Protein backbone atom coordinates (compact mmCIF):
# COMPACT_ATOMS: atom_id res chain seq x y z
CA MET A 1 19.00 7.75 -12.42
CA SER A 2 18.22 5.01 -14.93
CA ARG A 3 14.75 3.87 -15.99
CA SER A 4 13.20 0.48 -15.38
CA VAL A 5 14.54 -2.17 -17.69
CA HIS A 6 10.99 -3.11 -18.76
CA ASP A 7 9.86 0.46 -19.61
CA SER A 8 11.79 1.04 -22.83
CA SER A 9 9.85 0.37 -26.03
CA PRO A 10 10.20 2.03 -29.47
CA GLN A 11 6.63 1.36 -30.42
CA VAL A 12 4.87 4.74 -30.60
CA ARG A 13 1.42 3.23 -30.27
CA ASP A 14 2.29 0.79 -27.58
CA PRO A 15 0.32 1.77 -24.45
CA ARG A 16 3.25 0.79 -22.33
CA ALA A 17 5.50 3.10 -24.26
CA ALA A 18 3.03 5.96 -24.03
CA TYR A 19 2.71 5.46 -20.31
CA GLY A 20 6.47 5.11 -20.00
CA ARG A 21 7.16 8.48 -21.54
CA VAL A 22 4.86 10.24 -19.09
CA ARG A 23 6.18 8.19 -16.23
CA ASP A 24 9.75 9.17 -17.12
CA ALA A 25 8.77 12.80 -16.61
CA HIS A 26 7.02 11.82 -13.35
CA LEU A 27 10.16 10.03 -12.08
CA ASP A 28 12.25 13.13 -12.92
CA ALA A 29 9.82 15.07 -10.64
CA VAL A 30 10.29 12.48 -7.91
CA HIS A 31 14.10 12.63 -8.14
CA ALA A 32 14.06 16.42 -8.10
CA ALA A 33 12.02 16.32 -4.82
CA PHE A 34 14.27 13.81 -3.08
CA GLU A 35 16.69 16.43 -1.81
CA ASP A 36 13.92 18.34 -0.08
CA HIS A 37 12.46 15.22 1.48
CA ILE A 38 15.78 13.91 2.67
CA GLY A 39 16.44 17.27 4.28
CA ARG A 40 13.19 17.01 6.22
CA MET A 41 14.64 14.00 8.05
CA ASP A 42 16.81 16.43 10.04
CA TRP A 43 13.97 18.78 11.01
CA SER A 44 13.31 19.67 14.64
CA ARG A 45 9.97 19.00 16.29
CA GLU A 46 9.13 22.69 15.89
CA GLN A 47 9.81 22.58 12.15
CA ILE A 48 7.77 19.37 11.69
CA GLU A 49 4.76 20.69 13.57
CA ARG A 50 4.81 24.10 11.86
CA TYR A 51 4.95 22.58 8.41
CA ARG A 52 2.30 19.98 9.28
CA ASP A 53 -0.17 22.62 10.50
CA GLN A 54 0.35 24.75 7.37
CA ARG A 55 -0.25 21.71 5.13
CA LEU A 56 -3.32 20.75 7.16
CA ARG A 57 -4.85 24.26 6.80
CA ALA A 58 -4.22 24.28 3.04
CA LEU A 59 -5.88 20.88 2.68
CA LEU A 60 -8.93 21.74 4.73
CA GLY A 61 -9.47 24.99 2.93
CA TYR A 62 -9.15 23.38 -0.47
CA ALA A 63 -11.42 20.42 0.42
CA ARG A 64 -14.12 22.71 1.84
CA GLU A 65 -14.21 24.77 -1.39
CA ARG A 66 -13.94 21.95 -3.97
CA SER A 67 -15.61 18.87 -2.37
CA PRO A 68 -19.38 18.94 -1.49
CA PHE A 69 -18.83 16.00 0.83
CA HIS A 70 -16.12 17.76 2.84
CA SER A 71 -17.92 21.09 2.60
CA ARG A 72 -20.65 19.59 4.72
CA ARG A 73 -18.20 18.01 7.16
CA LEU A 74 -16.09 21.16 7.54
CA ARG A 75 -18.83 23.78 7.74
CA ASP A 76 -18.21 24.49 11.44
CA LEU A 77 -14.42 24.53 11.21
CA ASP A 78 -12.26 27.51 10.13
CA PRO A 79 -9.48 26.05 7.99
CA SER A 80 -7.29 29.14 8.33
CA THR A 81 -6.77 28.64 12.05
CA ALA A 82 -7.26 24.85 12.38
CA THR A 83 -4.80 22.63 14.19
CA VAL A 84 -4.46 18.89 14.50
CA ALA A 85 -6.43 19.04 17.76
CA ASP A 86 -9.43 20.54 15.90
CA LEU A 87 -9.82 17.46 13.73
CA ALA A 88 -11.46 15.69 16.68
CA SER A 89 -14.60 17.81 16.04
CA LEU A 90 -15.11 16.13 12.67
CA PRO A 91 -16.93 12.87 12.03
CA VAL A 92 -15.00 9.78 11.06
CA MET A 93 -14.74 8.99 7.33
CA THR A 94 -15.26 5.28 6.70
CA LYS A 95 -14.05 2.97 3.89
CA GLN A 96 -17.58 2.27 2.69
CA GLU A 97 -18.50 5.98 2.84
CA ALA A 98 -15.49 6.95 0.72
CA GLN A 99 -16.62 4.61 -2.03
CA ASP A 100 -20.33 5.42 -1.78
CA GLU A 101 -19.71 9.16 -1.88
CA TRP A 102 -16.99 9.07 -4.52
CA ASP A 103 -18.51 11.71 -6.84
CA THR A 104 -19.09 14.22 -3.96
CA ILE A 105 -15.54 13.77 -2.58
CA VAL A 106 -13.46 14.10 -5.72
CA THR A 107 -12.39 17.67 -6.51
CA VAL A 108 -11.59 17.35 -10.26
CA PRO A 109 -14.60 18.50 -12.31
CA ASP A 110 -14.12 16.04 -15.24
CA LEU A 111 -13.50 12.98 -13.07
CA ASP A 112 -16.20 10.86 -11.42
CA ARG A 113 -16.61 7.22 -10.38
CA ARG A 114 -18.04 6.15 -13.70
CA ALA A 115 -15.11 7.67 -15.55
CA ALA A 116 -12.66 6.09 -13.11
CA GLU A 117 -14.25 2.67 -13.58
CA ARG A 118 -14.11 3.09 -17.35
CA ILE A 119 -10.40 3.87 -17.20
CA LEU A 120 -9.81 0.74 -15.10
CA ALA A 121 -11.83 -1.38 -17.50
CA GLU A 122 -10.35 -0.06 -20.72
CA GLN A 123 -6.67 0.58 -19.97
CA PRO A 124 -4.44 -2.20 -21.34
CA TRP A 125 -1.64 -1.10 -18.98
CA PHE A 126 -1.11 1.60 -16.32
CA SER A 127 -2.08 5.00 -17.67
CA TYR A 128 -2.49 8.71 -16.92
CA THR A 129 -5.61 10.77 -17.53
CA PRO A 130 -5.26 13.96 -19.51
CA GLY A 131 -5.17 15.78 -16.17
CA GLY A 132 -2.25 13.72 -14.93
CA GLN A 133 -4.18 11.46 -12.50
CA GLN A 134 -3.64 7.73 -12.15
CA ILE A 135 -6.55 5.46 -11.26
CA PHE A 136 -6.11 2.36 -9.07
CA SER A 137 -8.31 -0.14 -7.37
CA SER A 138 -7.76 -2.59 -4.54
CA GLY A 139 -9.67 -5.07 -2.45
CA GLY A 140 -7.89 -3.72 0.59
CA SER A 141 -7.44 -5.56 3.88
CA SER A 142 -11.09 -5.07 4.74
CA GLY A 143 -12.48 -6.81 1.66
CA VAL A 144 -14.29 -3.60 0.51
CA ARG A 145 -13.28 -2.85 -3.06
CA GLY A 146 -11.95 0.68 -3.47
CA VAL A 147 -11.22 2.96 -6.41
CA TYR A 148 -8.59 5.66 -5.89
CA ALA A 149 -7.23 8.66 -7.85
CA TRP A 150 -3.66 9.84 -7.38
CA ASP A 151 -2.74 13.19 -8.89
CA TRP A 152 0.73 14.24 -10.20
CA GLU A 153 1.99 15.82 -6.95
CA LEU A 154 0.53 13.15 -4.80
CA PHE A 155 2.58 10.43 -6.47
CA VAL A 156 5.71 12.57 -6.10
CA SER A 157 4.98 12.85 -2.39
CA PHE A 158 4.22 9.16 -1.95
CA ALA A 159 7.36 8.01 -3.78
CA CYS A 160 9.56 10.36 -1.78
CA LEU A 161 8.07 9.19 1.52
CA ALA A 162 8.51 5.54 0.50
CA TRP A 163 12.20 5.91 -0.34
CA ARG A 164 13.68 8.91 1.46
CA PHE A 165 14.96 7.01 4.53
CA GLN A 166 16.74 4.47 2.32
CA ALA A 167 18.10 7.23 0.05
CA ARG A 168 19.41 9.16 3.09
CA GLU A 169 21.19 6.11 4.49
CA GLU A 170 22.85 5.35 1.18
CA LEU A 171 24.09 8.93 0.86
CA ARG A 172 25.61 8.62 4.33
CA GLY A 173 26.92 5.09 4.01
CA PRO A 174 29.74 3.38 2.12
CA PRO A 175 29.71 3.54 -1.70
CA LEU A 176 27.28 1.21 -3.41
CA PRO A 177 28.41 -1.33 -6.00
CA ARG A 178 28.97 0.21 -9.42
CA ALA A 179 25.99 -1.67 -10.92
CA THR A 180 22.85 -1.71 -8.81
CA ARG A 181 19.49 -3.26 -9.46
CA LEU A 182 16.28 -3.13 -7.55
CA ALA A 183 13.95 -6.20 -7.62
CA VAL A 184 10.39 -5.10 -7.04
CA LEU A 185 8.05 -7.88 -5.76
CA THR A 186 4.59 -6.47 -6.22
CA ALA A 187 1.28 -7.24 -7.96
CA GLY A 188 3.15 -6.36 -11.16
CA GLU A 189 0.21 -5.14 -13.27
CA PRO A 190 -2.87 -2.89 -13.18
CA PRO A 191 -4.93 -1.97 -11.34
CA HIS A 192 -2.73 -2.10 -8.20
CA ALA A 193 -0.77 0.94 -7.11
CA SER A 194 2.13 -0.95 -5.65
CA THR A 195 4.05 -1.36 -8.86
CA PRO A 196 4.25 2.32 -9.81
CA LEU A 197 5.02 3.31 -6.24
CA PHE A 198 7.89 0.89 -5.53
CA ASP A 199 9.37 0.63 -9.03
CA VAL A 200 11.51 3.72 -8.37
CA ALA A 201 15.31 3.82 -8.74
CA THR A 202 16.94 5.50 -5.72
CA ALA A 203 20.58 5.48 -6.71
CA PRO A 204 22.43 6.75 -9.83
CA GLY A 205 22.60 4.12 -12.52
CA MET A 206 20.15 1.79 -10.80
CA ASP A 207 18.03 -0.54 -12.91
CA THR A 208 14.73 -2.00 -11.67
CA VAL A 209 12.90 -5.20 -12.52
CA VAL A 210 9.34 -6.01 -11.48
CA ILE A 211 8.56 -9.63 -10.46
CA PRO A 212 4.86 -10.50 -9.85
CA ALA A 213 4.72 -11.61 -6.22
CA ARG A 214 1.51 -13.54 -6.59
CA ALA A 215 3.11 -16.12 -8.90
CA PRO A 216 3.91 -19.53 -7.52
CA PHE A 217 6.90 -19.28 -5.24
CA ASP A 218 9.23 -21.41 -7.36
CA GLU A 219 8.66 -18.91 -10.21
CA VAL A 220 9.34 -15.97 -7.92
CA LEU A 221 12.51 -17.62 -6.61
CA ALA A 222 13.77 -18.29 -10.14
CA ALA A 223 13.04 -14.75 -11.28
CA VAL A 224 14.87 -13.19 -8.32
CA ALA A 225 17.81 -15.47 -8.80
CA ALA A 226 17.99 -14.53 -12.49
CA ALA A 227 17.71 -10.82 -11.74
CA ARG A 228 20.58 -10.88 -9.21
CA PRO A 229 19.47 -7.69 -7.47
CA THR A 230 21.49 -5.57 -5.09
CA HIS A 231 18.28 -4.17 -3.55
CA LEU A 232 15.02 -5.95 -2.78
CA VAL A 233 11.61 -4.50 -2.04
CA GLY A 234 8.33 -6.39 -1.73
CA TYR A 235 5.61 -8.05 0.29
CA ALA A 236 6.97 -8.98 3.73
CA THR A 237 5.92 -12.64 3.57
CA VAL A 238 7.52 -13.13 0.11
CA VAL A 239 10.75 -11.46 1.16
CA GLY A 240 10.82 -13.57 4.29
CA ARG A 241 10.40 -16.76 2.25
CA LEU A 242 13.15 -15.68 -0.07
CA ALA A 243 15.45 -15.15 2.95
CA ARG A 244 14.67 -18.67 4.16
CA ALA A 245 15.48 -20.02 0.71
CA ALA A 246 18.78 -18.22 0.87
CA LEU A 247 19.52 -19.73 4.25
CA ALA A 248 18.71 -23.17 2.84
CA GLY A 249 21.22 -22.58 0.02
CA ASP A 250 18.57 -22.22 -2.74
CA LEU A 251 19.22 -18.55 -3.50
CA GLU A 252 22.55 -16.67 -3.73
CA LEU A 253 22.28 -12.89 -3.53
CA GLU A 254 24.54 -10.09 -2.34
CA LEU A 255 22.11 -7.45 -1.16
CA ALA A 256 22.82 -3.94 0.11
CA ARG A 257 19.35 -3.20 1.45
CA VAL A 258 15.92 -4.76 1.91
CA SER A 259 12.52 -3.00 2.06
CA THR A 260 9.21 -4.61 2.94
CA ASN A 261 5.63 -3.43 2.63
CA SER A 262 1.94 -4.36 2.22
CA GLU A 263 1.88 -6.94 4.94
CA PRO A 264 2.94 -7.11 8.60
CA LEU A 265 6.66 -7.87 8.94
CA LEU A 266 6.67 -10.76 11.38
CA ASP A 267 9.56 -11.40 13.74
CA GLU A 268 10.47 -14.68 12.01
CA ASP A 269 10.62 -12.96 8.61
CA ARG A 270 12.72 -10.06 9.92
CA GLN A 271 15.13 -12.47 11.57
CA ALA A 272 15.43 -14.58 8.43
CA VAL A 273 16.37 -11.47 6.44
CA ARG A 274 19.00 -10.52 8.98
CA ASP A 275 20.45 -14.00 9.07
CA ALA A 276 20.46 -14.43 5.33
CA TRP A 277 21.85 -11.05 4.20
CA HIS A 278 22.94 -9.00 7.21
CA VAL A 279 21.50 -5.78 5.71
CA PRO A 280 19.36 -2.92 6.97
CA ILE A 281 15.57 -3.52 6.74
CA HIS A 282 13.19 -0.68 5.97
CA ASN A 283 9.67 -1.74 6.76
CA LEU A 284 6.79 0.44 5.42
CA TRP A 285 3.21 0.88 6.59
CA GLY A 286 0.92 2.36 3.99
CA SER A 287 -2.42 2.18 2.22
CA THR A 288 -3.69 3.02 -1.27
CA GLU A 289 -5.86 5.75 0.26
CA ILE A 290 -3.35 7.63 2.42
CA GLY A 291 -0.18 6.43 0.74
CA VAL A 292 2.87 6.00 2.98
CA GLN A 293 2.04 6.47 6.64
CA ALA A 294 5.29 5.37 8.37
CA VAL A 295 8.67 3.93 7.41
CA GLY A 296 11.46 2.21 9.31
CA CYS A 297 14.83 3.94 9.30
CA GLY A 298 16.89 0.74 9.48
CA HIS A 299 18.51 1.75 12.78
CA ALA A 300 16.06 0.99 15.54
CA ASP A 301 12.72 -0.64 16.21
CA GLY A 302 9.50 0.83 14.95
CA LEU A 303 8.45 3.07 12.08
CA HIS A 304 8.82 6.80 11.72
CA VAL A 305 5.40 8.46 11.08
CA CYS A 306 5.47 10.67 7.95
CA GLU A 307 4.15 13.63 9.93
CA ASP A 308 4.98 16.15 7.28
CA GLU A 309 2.43 14.48 4.90
CA VAL A 310 -0.03 12.61 7.13
CA VAL A 311 -1.82 13.21 10.44
CA LEU A 312 -2.53 10.06 12.47
CA GLU A 313 -5.09 10.02 15.32
CA ARG A 314 -5.24 7.13 17.73
CA VAL A 315 -8.85 7.06 18.93
CA ASP A 316 -11.24 5.01 21.06
CA GLU A 317 -14.42 3.29 19.76
CA ALA A 318 -16.23 6.61 19.70
CA GLY A 319 -13.57 8.30 17.60
CA VAL A 320 -12.19 10.40 20.47
CA PRO A 321 -8.33 10.77 20.51
CA VAL A 322 -6.52 8.94 23.31
CA PRO A 323 -3.14 9.84 24.91
CA ASP A 324 0.03 8.22 23.45
CA ASP A 325 0.49 6.00 26.47
CA GLU A 326 -3.04 4.53 26.34
CA PRO A 327 -4.36 1.76 24.06
CA ALA A 328 -6.44 2.82 21.03
CA ALA A 329 -9.25 1.02 19.26
CA ARG A 330 -8.29 2.26 15.81
CA THR A 331 -6.31 4.79 13.84
CA LEU A 332 -7.66 7.69 11.76
CA ALA A 333 -5.57 9.29 9.06
CA THR A 334 -5.63 12.60 7.22
CA GLY A 335 -3.54 12.63 4.03
CA LEU A 336 -2.08 16.15 3.60
CA ALA A 337 -0.95 15.75 0.03
CA ASN A 338 -4.18 14.45 -1.56
CA ARG A 339 -6.22 17.23 -3.03
CA THR A 340 -7.89 15.31 -5.84
CA PHE A 341 -9.62 12.92 -3.40
CA PRO A 342 -9.14 14.18 0.13
CA PHE A 343 -9.15 11.67 2.96
CA ILE A 344 -9.80 13.54 6.24
CA ARG A 345 -10.11 11.59 9.51
CA TYR A 346 -10.25 8.38 7.50
CA ASP A 347 -10.61 5.10 9.42
CA LEU A 348 -7.58 2.93 8.55
CA GLY A 349 -8.76 0.14 10.88
CA ASP A 350 -5.23 -0.62 12.09
CA GLN A 351 -4.20 -0.34 15.73
CA VAL A 352 -0.90 1.42 16.42
CA THR A 353 1.25 1.81 19.52
CA MET A 354 3.47 4.88 20.03
CA LEU A 355 7.09 4.39 20.88
CA PRO A 356 8.67 6.80 23.45
CA GLY A 357 11.92 8.72 23.00
CA GLN A 358 13.91 9.90 20.01
CA CYS A 359 15.31 7.35 17.62
CA SER A 360 19.06 6.58 17.47
CA CYS A 361 19.03 7.61 13.77
CA GLY A 362 18.58 11.21 14.91
CA SER A 363 15.20 11.88 13.25
CA ALA A 364 12.68 13.81 15.35
CA PHE A 365 9.71 12.23 13.50
CA VAL A 366 7.74 10.19 16.06
CA ARG A 367 7.65 6.41 15.91
CA VAL A 368 5.01 3.76 16.15
CA ALA A 369 5.63 0.07 16.73
CA ASP A 370 5.60 -2.22 13.71
CA ILE A 371 1.99 -2.60 12.61
CA ALA A 372 0.30 -5.95 13.30
CA GLY A 373 -2.76 -5.04 11.22
CA ARG A 374 -4.39 -7.98 9.54
CA ARG A 375 -2.56 -11.00 8.08
CA ASP A 376 -4.48 -13.37 5.87
CA ASP A 377 -3.64 -17.07 6.42
CA ASP A 378 -2.65 -19.17 3.48
CA PHE A 379 -4.90 -22.17 2.77
CA HIS A 380 -3.26 -25.57 2.97
CA TYR A 381 -4.53 -28.52 0.97
CA GLY A 382 -2.32 -31.47 1.94
CA LEU A 383 1.16 -30.56 0.62
CA CYS A 384 -0.23 -27.77 -1.51
CA THR A 385 -0.36 -24.19 -0.20
CA VAL A 386 -2.51 -21.50 -1.82
CA PRO A 387 -1.78 -17.93 -0.72
CA ALA A 388 -4.57 -15.52 0.06
CA SER A 389 -3.28 -13.34 -2.75
CA ALA A 390 -4.45 -15.89 -5.32
CA PHE A 391 -8.06 -15.18 -4.32
CA ARG A 392 -7.47 -11.48 -3.54
CA HIS A 393 -6.16 -10.66 -7.06
CA VAL A 394 -9.36 -12.01 -8.70
CA LEU A 395 -11.92 -10.82 -6.24
CA GLY A 396 -10.43 -7.52 -5.23
CA THR A 397 -10.13 -6.20 -8.78
CA ASP A 398 -13.60 -7.12 -10.10
CA PRO A 399 -15.59 -3.88 -10.24
CA ARG A 400 -18.84 -5.83 -9.76
CA VAL A 401 -17.67 -7.24 -6.41
CA SER A 402 -17.98 -4.75 -3.58
CA GLU A 403 -17.10 -7.14 -0.71
CA TYR A 404 -16.24 -10.75 -0.35
CA GLN A 405 -15.36 -13.58 2.03
CA VAL A 406 -13.45 -16.75 1.21
CA ARG A 407 -14.18 -19.92 3.16
CA GLN A 408 -11.88 -22.84 2.56
CA THR A 409 -13.42 -26.25 1.79
CA SER A 410 -11.77 -29.60 1.62
CA ALA A 411 -11.41 -29.39 -2.14
CA GLY A 412 -11.33 -25.67 -2.82
CA ALA A 413 -13.36 -22.70 -1.50
CA GLU A 414 -16.81 -21.29 -1.05
CA ILE A 415 -16.83 -17.55 -1.78
CA LEU A 416 -19.54 -15.16 -0.65
CA VAL A 417 -19.69 -11.92 -2.61
CA VAL A 418 -21.70 -8.77 -2.30
CA GLY A 419 -22.49 -7.15 -5.66
CA ARG A 420 -23.50 -8.24 -9.14
CA PRO A 421 -20.68 -10.30 -10.56
CA ASP A 422 -20.73 -12.69 -13.46
CA THR A 423 -20.42 -15.76 -11.21
CA ALA A 424 -19.53 -18.15 -14.02
CA THR A 425 -16.63 -15.97 -15.16
CA LEU A 426 -15.55 -15.33 -11.60
CA THR A 427 -15.61 -19.07 -10.84
CA SER A 428 -13.54 -19.82 -13.95
CA SER A 429 -10.96 -17.15 -13.05
CA LEU A 430 -10.63 -18.50 -9.53
CA VAL A 431 -10.27 -22.11 -10.63
CA ALA A 432 -7.55 -21.00 -13.05
CA ALA A 433 -5.78 -19.13 -10.25
CA LEU A 434 -5.83 -22.14 -7.98
CA ARG A 435 -4.66 -24.39 -10.76
CA ARG A 436 -1.62 -22.15 -11.18
CA HIS A 437 -0.86 -22.80 -7.54
CA ARG A 438 -0.75 -26.53 -8.03
CA LEU A 439 -4.36 -27.29 -7.09
CA PRO A 440 -5.54 -28.76 -10.40
CA ASP A 441 -8.99 -30.03 -9.45
CA ALA A 442 -10.21 -27.21 -7.26
CA GLU A 443 -13.95 -26.98 -6.52
CA VAL A 444 -15.02 -23.36 -6.29
CA ARG A 445 -18.49 -22.13 -5.49
CA VAL A 446 -19.38 -18.46 -5.75
CA ARG A 447 -22.49 -17.32 -3.96
CA VAL A 448 -23.95 -13.80 -4.15
CA VAL A 449 -25.30 -12.52 -0.79
CA ASP A 450 -26.85 -9.29 0.41
CA ARG A 451 -24.26 -8.76 3.14
CA LEU A 452 -21.43 -10.50 5.02
CA GLU A 453 -21.55 -11.25 8.71
CA ARG A 454 -19.02 -9.23 10.66
CA HIS A 455 -17.63 -9.60 14.18
CA GLU A 456 -20.30 -8.76 16.68
CA SER A 457 -18.20 -6.36 18.78
CA THR A 458 -15.45 -5.06 16.49
CA GLY A 459 -17.37 -4.93 13.21
CA LYS A 460 -14.39 -6.48 11.41
CA LEU A 461 -14.84 -8.90 8.55
CA ARG A 462 -13.39 -12.40 8.77
CA ARG A 463 -12.34 -12.27 5.08
CA PHE A 464 -10.35 -15.53 4.84
CA VAL A 465 -11.61 -18.46 6.95
CA ALA A 466 -9.46 -21.55 6.88
CA LEU A 467 -10.95 -25.10 6.95
CA ASP A 468 -10.24 -25.40 10.67
CA GLY A 469 -12.28 -22.24 11.34
CA HIS A 470 -9.35 -19.92 12.10
CA PRO A 471 -9.50 -16.67 10.09
CA GLY A 472 -6.63 -14.65 8.77
CA HIS A 473 -5.54 -11.95 11.22
């Protein structure tokens, strides 16, 4: 399979070239693992559950021995005999706790939070540590800034989970065009994990091109038109808008397949994609912490849970599992492939609904309904629209901002931050971001606060509050 068109560089000392050489080896590992992962799609329920339990026991045993944080949590559990049902005896692991206890969770001796932050601050491009880890950060849907470590095998697992359904369908389907190209609509640059994860060729001879999705839409539209991809992957709202542009005659593409991620895939966006291109849609639900949690097969409604690499628990407010046919307050996840930074009974915050029956695609992996999750509303200033991502990219990647809330004002925004940021620099960066989105005279005020007010009953943060008082979902 070919490499990304932007990865090749002859400059020995170019950090992109150095990263690219290691990434080429990493992609070879991904492609070598595809056959195994595609084969898992035909497993029976018995095979899935047996493999999942073995992976769970291996993770629990490793985490108890190597992580002081998990050693305390697992002291009353025997990893050698544990099952999914036994996880209910463990306390819930929260987003804030994962960041506060970073150094007691990580299992690599020469890696701690300070070293991870230094890597994020000093790397000019994506990079690997000498131990093969990659460090990412994200503001996340909750507004709590997180720092994450992916090891070599973890990335292989995540990439296979993200692409195996699509790869299987293309092996079974009609021949692809001779020349294929994947357009990847993601953050496009460090420290976000989306670019390395989705910039993966899945067919022989496929090229890939990364297009920053947070750019003004007319720039995204022009870049996609110039790339002329046969495959498209990216943020659901951006893909939906491209589909509507195609329906309006502003974009001509002949696509074989579309994949969406990072945001809820709303019915209007799904329908626009179907009307514009008449191709299968593979929606993905994931997180930087757990990786890929569930993926749509392109045949029927819902998403297949990646049960071979993740355990999902639907629980009530007290963290007690509920039956599949009952509503749940939240979802907890245990990532079976992450040994460098284990997430065990981690609170994702999303609410999921189980779908009954076996899918028409033939896979025995259980399904959940498409995830509603949270959706941040764009801010509208007259005829100008500023996406939430314009704020999120600046605020969610500043290591001195631990949490934030954006409140729209008539001429810009008031931003409450928890942490110790350089407010002048932060303000300047936000004004520049808004200017790029056609709001030239934006008034931005950054105010440091001790804490942010959360919803009285749910504890959720209203992270983006539009001028009319309605928050993002």
